[in-house]
Amino acid sequence: MSNPIIDCAVHDYVEIACMYGFDLTLKLDDESTCQGKALDVTIDNNRDECLVIEEKGKTLQVVLNRVKSMKVINENPHFEIVDF
């Protein structure tokens, strides 16, 4: 991979978000945000690990090393906010 992988404990939260299809707000390293439904984790063409989300009917790959925090919009017993 071109970038280091994310911490294993943080990755567990990403997997939970995908497993339950949580709606998320992601804060990125450039202070921008994106919002969408967590679908899957994949590797992109640059070999970066990405969170696949559905945003406004379109599929988007967000490089996990660019994510600063992940906030779950859905009420759930698992977690609310994870800082990367």
N, C-alpha and C. Protein backbone atom coordinates (compact mmCIF):
# COMPACT_ATOMS: atom_id res chain seq x y z
N MET A 1 0.84 -1.18 0.00
CA MET A 1 0.00 0.00 0.00
C MET A 1 0.88 1.24 0.00
N SER A 2 0.37 2.29 -0.59
CA SER A 2 1.14 3.52 -0.63
C SER A 2 1.08 4.28 0.69
N ASN A 3 0.09 4.04 1.49
CA ASN A 3 -0.07 4.68 2.79
C ASN A 3 -0.17 3.62 3.87
N PRO A 4 0.22 3.97 5.10
CA PRO A 4 0.07 2.99 6.18
C PRO A 4 -1.39 2.64 6.42
N ILE A 5 -1.61 1.44 6.91
CA ILE A 5 -2.98 1.02 7.20
C ILE A 5 -3.46 1.67 8.49
N ILE A 6 -4.77 1.75 8.64
CA ILE A 6 -5.32 2.36 9.85
C ILE A 6 -5.23 1.38 11.02
N ASP A 7 -5.33 1.92 12.22
CA ASP A 7 -5.27 1.13 13.44
C ASP A 7 -6.35 0.05 13.42
N CYS A 8 -6.01 -1.12 13.90
CA CYS A 8 -6.92 -2.27 13.89
C CYS A 8 -8.21 -2.00 14.66
N ALA A 9 -8.12 -1.32 15.79
CA ALA A 9 -9.31 -1.03 16.59
C ALA A 9 -10.25 -0.10 15.83
N VAL A 10 -9.69 0.88 15.13
CA VAL A 10 -10.51 1.79 14.32
C VAL A 10 -11.15 1.03 13.16
N HIS A 11 -10.38 0.13 12.58
CA HIS A 11 -10.90 -0.67 11.45
C HIS A 11 -12.12 -1.47 11.88
N ASP A 12 -12.13 -1.95 13.11
CA ASP A 12 -13.29 -2.69 13.63
C ASP A 12 -14.56 -1.84 13.56
N TYR A 13 -14.45 -0.56 13.91
CA TYR A 13 -15.61 0.33 13.84
C TYR A 13 -16.07 0.54 12.40
N VAL A 14 -15.12 0.64 11.48
CA VAL A 14 -15.46 0.77 10.06
C VAL A 14 -16.23 -0.46 9.60
N GLU A 15 -15.78 -1.63 10.01
CA GLU A 15 -16.45 -2.88 9.64
C GLU A 15 -17.86 -2.95 10.24
N ILE A 16 -18.02 -2.50 11.48
CA ILE A 16 -19.34 -2.47 12.11
C ILE A 16 -20.27 -1.54 11.34
N ALA A 17 -19.75 -0.38 10.95
CA ALA A 17 -20.56 0.57 10.18
C ALA A 17 -21.05 -0.05 8.87
N CYS A 18 -20.18 -0.81 8.21
CA CYS A 18 -20.56 -1.47 6.96
C CYS A 18 -21.55 -2.60 7.22
N MET A 19 -21.31 -3.38 8.26
CA MET A 19 -22.16 -4.52 8.57
C MET A 19 -23.61 -4.08 8.81
N TYR A 20 -23.79 -2.94 9.49
CA TYR A 20 -25.12 -2.45 9.80
C TYR A 20 -25.63 -1.40 8.81
N GLY A 21 -24.81 -1.04 7.84
CA GLY A 21 -25.23 -0.05 6.84
C GLY A 21 -25.54 1.30 7.45
N PHE A 22 -24.71 1.71 8.43
CA PHE A 22 -24.95 2.98 9.10
C PHE A 22 -24.80 4.16 8.15
N ASP A 23 -25.60 5.19 8.38
CA ASP A 23 -25.42 6.48 7.72
C ASP A 23 -24.34 7.23 8.50
N LEU A 24 -23.36 7.76 7.77
CA LEU A 24 -22.18 8.35 8.40
C LEU A 24 -21.94 9.78 7.92
N THR A 25 -21.27 10.54 8.78
CA THR A 25 -20.63 11.78 8.37
C THR A 25 -19.15 11.58 8.60
N LEU A 26 -18.37 11.73 7.54
CA LEU A 26 -16.92 11.57 7.61
C LEU A 26 -16.26 12.94 7.54
N LYS A 27 -15.38 13.23 8.49
CA LYS A 27 -14.59 14.45 8.44
C LYS A 27 -13.22 14.06 7.91
N LEU A 28 -12.78 14.74 6.85
CA LEU A 28 -11.53 14.39 6.19
C LEU A 28 -10.38 15.29 6.63
N ASP A 29 -9.16 14.90 6.26
CA ASP A 29 -7.97 15.63 6.70
C ASP A 29 -7.89 17.06 6.16
N ASP A 30 -8.64 17.39 5.12
CA ASP A 30 -8.66 18.76 4.60
C ASP A 30 -9.83 19.56 5.19
N GLU A 31 -10.45 19.01 6.24
CA GLU A 31 -11.58 19.60 6.97
C GLU A 31 -12.91 19.54 6.20
N SER A 32 -12.92 18.95 5.02
CA SER A 32 -14.19 18.76 4.31
C SER A 32 -14.93 17.58 4.93
N THR A 33 -16.20 17.46 4.62
CA THR A 33 -17.00 16.34 5.11
C THR A 33 -17.73 15.68 3.95
N CYS A 34 -18.06 14.43 4.13
CA CYS A 34 -18.94 13.74 3.20
C CYS A 34 -19.88 12.89 4.03
N GLN A 35 -21.03 12.63 3.48
CA GLN A 35 -22.06 11.91 4.21
C GLN A 35 -22.62 10.83 3.31
N GLY A 36 -22.85 9.65 3.88
CA GLY A 36 -23.42 8.57 3.09
C GLY A 36 -23.59 7.31 3.92
N LYS A 37 -24.12 6.29 3.27
CA LYS A 37 -24.37 5.00 3.90
C LYS A 37 -23.15 4.11 3.70
N ALA A 38 -22.63 3.55 4.80
CA ALA A 38 -21.47 2.65 4.73
C ALA A 38 -21.86 1.35 4.04
N LEU A 39 -21.08 0.97 3.03
CA LEU A 39 -21.37 -0.25 2.28
C LEU A 39 -20.31 -1.32 2.43
N ASP A 40 -19.03 -0.94 2.28
CA ASP A 40 -17.97 -1.96 2.21
C ASP A 40 -16.61 -1.29 2.39
N VAL A 41 -15.59 -2.11 2.53
CA VAL A 41 -14.20 -1.66 2.53
C VAL A 41 -13.53 -2.33 1.34
N THR A 42 -12.73 -1.56 0.61
CA THR A 42 -12.07 -2.08 -0.58
C THR A 42 -10.69 -1.46 -0.74
N ILE A 43 -9.96 -1.93 -1.71
CA ILE A 43 -8.66 -1.37 -2.07
C ILE A 43 -8.83 -0.70 -3.44
N ASP A 44 -8.41 0.57 -3.57
CA ASP A 44 -8.57 1.26 -4.84
C ASP A 44 -7.39 0.97 -5.78
N ASN A 45 -7.39 1.61 -6.93
CA ASN A 45 -6.34 1.38 -7.93
C ASN A 45 -4.96 1.83 -7.46
N ASN A 46 -4.91 2.73 -6.48
CA ASN A 46 -3.63 3.18 -5.91
C ASN A 46 -3.20 2.32 -4.73
N ARG A 47 -3.95 1.25 -4.48
CA ARG A 47 -3.71 0.31 -3.39
C ARG A 47 -3.93 0.94 -2.01
N ASP A 48 -4.79 1.95 -1.96
CA ASP A 48 -5.20 2.55 -0.70
C ASP A 48 -6.48 1.88 -0.22
N GLU A 49 -6.56 1.66 1.08
CA GLU A 49 -7.78 1.09 1.66
C GLU A 49 -8.86 2.16 1.71
N CYS A 50 -10.04 1.83 1.24
CA CYS A 50 -11.14 2.81 1.12
C CYS A 50 -12.41 2.29 1.76
N LEU A 51 -13.18 3.22 2.30
CA LEU A 51 -14.54 2.95 2.75
C LEU A 51 -15.46 3.30 1.59
N VAL A 52 -16.28 2.37 1.19
CA VAL A 52 -17.24 2.61 0.11
C VAL A 52 -18.54 3.07 0.76
N ILE A 53 -19.00 4.24 0.34
CA ILE A 53 -20.26 4.77 0.85
C ILE A 53 -21.18 5.10 -0.33
N GLU A 54 -22.48 5.12 -0.04
CA GLU A 54 -23.45 5.58 -1.02
C GLU A 54 -23.87 6.98 -0.62
N GLU A 55 -23.56 7.93 -1.49
CA GLU A 55 -23.85 9.34 -1.21
C GLU A 55 -24.73 9.88 -2.33
N LYS A 56 -25.95 10.26 -1.99
CA LYS A 56 -26.90 10.82 -2.96
C LYS A 56 -27.08 9.92 -4.17
N GLY A 57 -27.20 8.62 -3.92
CA GLY A 57 -27.44 7.66 -4.99
C GLY A 57 -26.21 7.23 -5.77
N LYS A 58 -25.04 7.76 -5.41
CA LYS A 58 -23.80 7.40 -6.10
C LYS A 58 -22.85 6.72 -5.13
N THR A 59 -22.07 5.78 -5.66
CA THR A 59 -21.07 5.09 -4.85
C THR A 59 -19.78 5.89 -4.86
N LEU A 60 -19.20 6.06 -3.68
CA LEU A 60 -17.99 6.86 -3.51
C LEU A 60 -17.00 6.07 -2.67
N GLN A 61 -15.72 6.09 -3.08
CA GLN A 61 -14.66 5.46 -2.29
C GLN A 61 -13.89 6.56 -1.55
N VAL A 62 -13.85 6.46 -0.23
CA VAL A 62 -13.14 7.43 0.60
C VAL A 62 -11.91 6.74 1.17
N VAL A 63 -10.73 7.28 0.86
CA VAL A 63 -9.48 6.70 1.36
C VAL A 63 -9.46 6.83 2.89
N LEU A 64 -9.33 5.70 3.57
CA LEU A 64 -9.42 5.70 5.03
C LEU A 64 -8.32 6.52 5.70
N ASN A 65 -7.15 6.62 5.09
CA ASN A 65 -6.08 7.42 5.67
C ASN A 65 -6.36 8.92 5.62
N ARG A 66 -7.37 9.32 4.89
CA ARG A 66 -7.77 10.73 4.81
C ARG A 66 -8.84 11.07 5.84
N VAL A 67 -9.44 10.06 6.47
CA VAL A 67 -10.54 10.28 7.42
C VAL A 67 -9.97 10.66 8.78
N LYS A 68 -10.49 11.77 9.35
CA LYS A 68 -10.11 12.19 10.70
C LYS A 68 -11.10 11.68 11.74
N SER A 69 -12.39 11.65 11.36
CA SER A 69 -13.40 11.14 12.28
C SER A 69 -14.59 10.60 11.49
N MET A 70 -15.30 9.69 12.15
CA MET A 70 -16.48 9.06 11.56
C MET A 70 -17.60 9.16 12.59
N LYS A 71 -18.69 9.83 12.22
CA LYS A 71 -19.83 9.99 13.12
C LYS A 71 -21.00 9.22 12.54
N VAL A 72 -21.64 8.40 13.38
CA VAL A 72 -22.81 7.63 12.96
C VAL A 72 -24.05 8.48 13.19
N ILE A 73 -24.87 8.59 12.17
CA ILE A 73 -26.10 9.36 12.26
C ILE A 73 -27.22 8.54 12.88
N ASN A 74 -27.23 7.23 12.60
CA ASN A 74 -28.27 6.34 13.14
C ASN A 74 -28.05 6.12 14.64
N GLU A 75 -29.14 6.11 15.40
CA GLU A 75 -29.04 5.73 16.80
C GLU A 75 -28.73 4.24 16.85
N ASN A 76 -27.74 3.87 17.66
CA ASN A 76 -27.34 2.47 17.73
C ASN A 76 -26.61 2.21 19.04
N PRO A 77 -26.49 0.95 19.46
CA PRO A 77 -25.82 0.62 20.72
C PRO A 77 -24.31 0.44 20.58
N HIS A 78 -23.76 0.62 19.39
CA HIS A 78 -22.36 0.26 19.16
C HIS A 78 -21.39 1.43 19.35
N PHE A 79 -21.62 2.54 18.67
CA PHE A 79 -20.75 3.70 18.81
C PHE A 79 -21.41 4.91 18.16
N GLU A 80 -20.87 6.09 18.47
CA GLU A 80 -21.39 7.33 17.89
C GLU A 80 -20.32 8.03 17.05
N ILE A 81 -19.15 8.26 17.65
CA ILE A 81 -18.06 8.95 16.95
C ILE A 81 -16.77 8.18 17.17
N VAL A 82 -15.98 8.06 16.10
CA VAL A 82 -14.66 7.44 16.18
C VAL A 82 -13.66 8.42 15.58
N ASP A 83 -12.62 8.74 16.36
CA ASP A 83 -11.53 9.56 15.85
C ASP A 83 -10.44 8.64 15.32
N PHE A 84 -9.95 8.94 14.14
CA PHE A 84 -8.92 8.11 13.51
C PHE A 84 -7.53 8.57 13.90
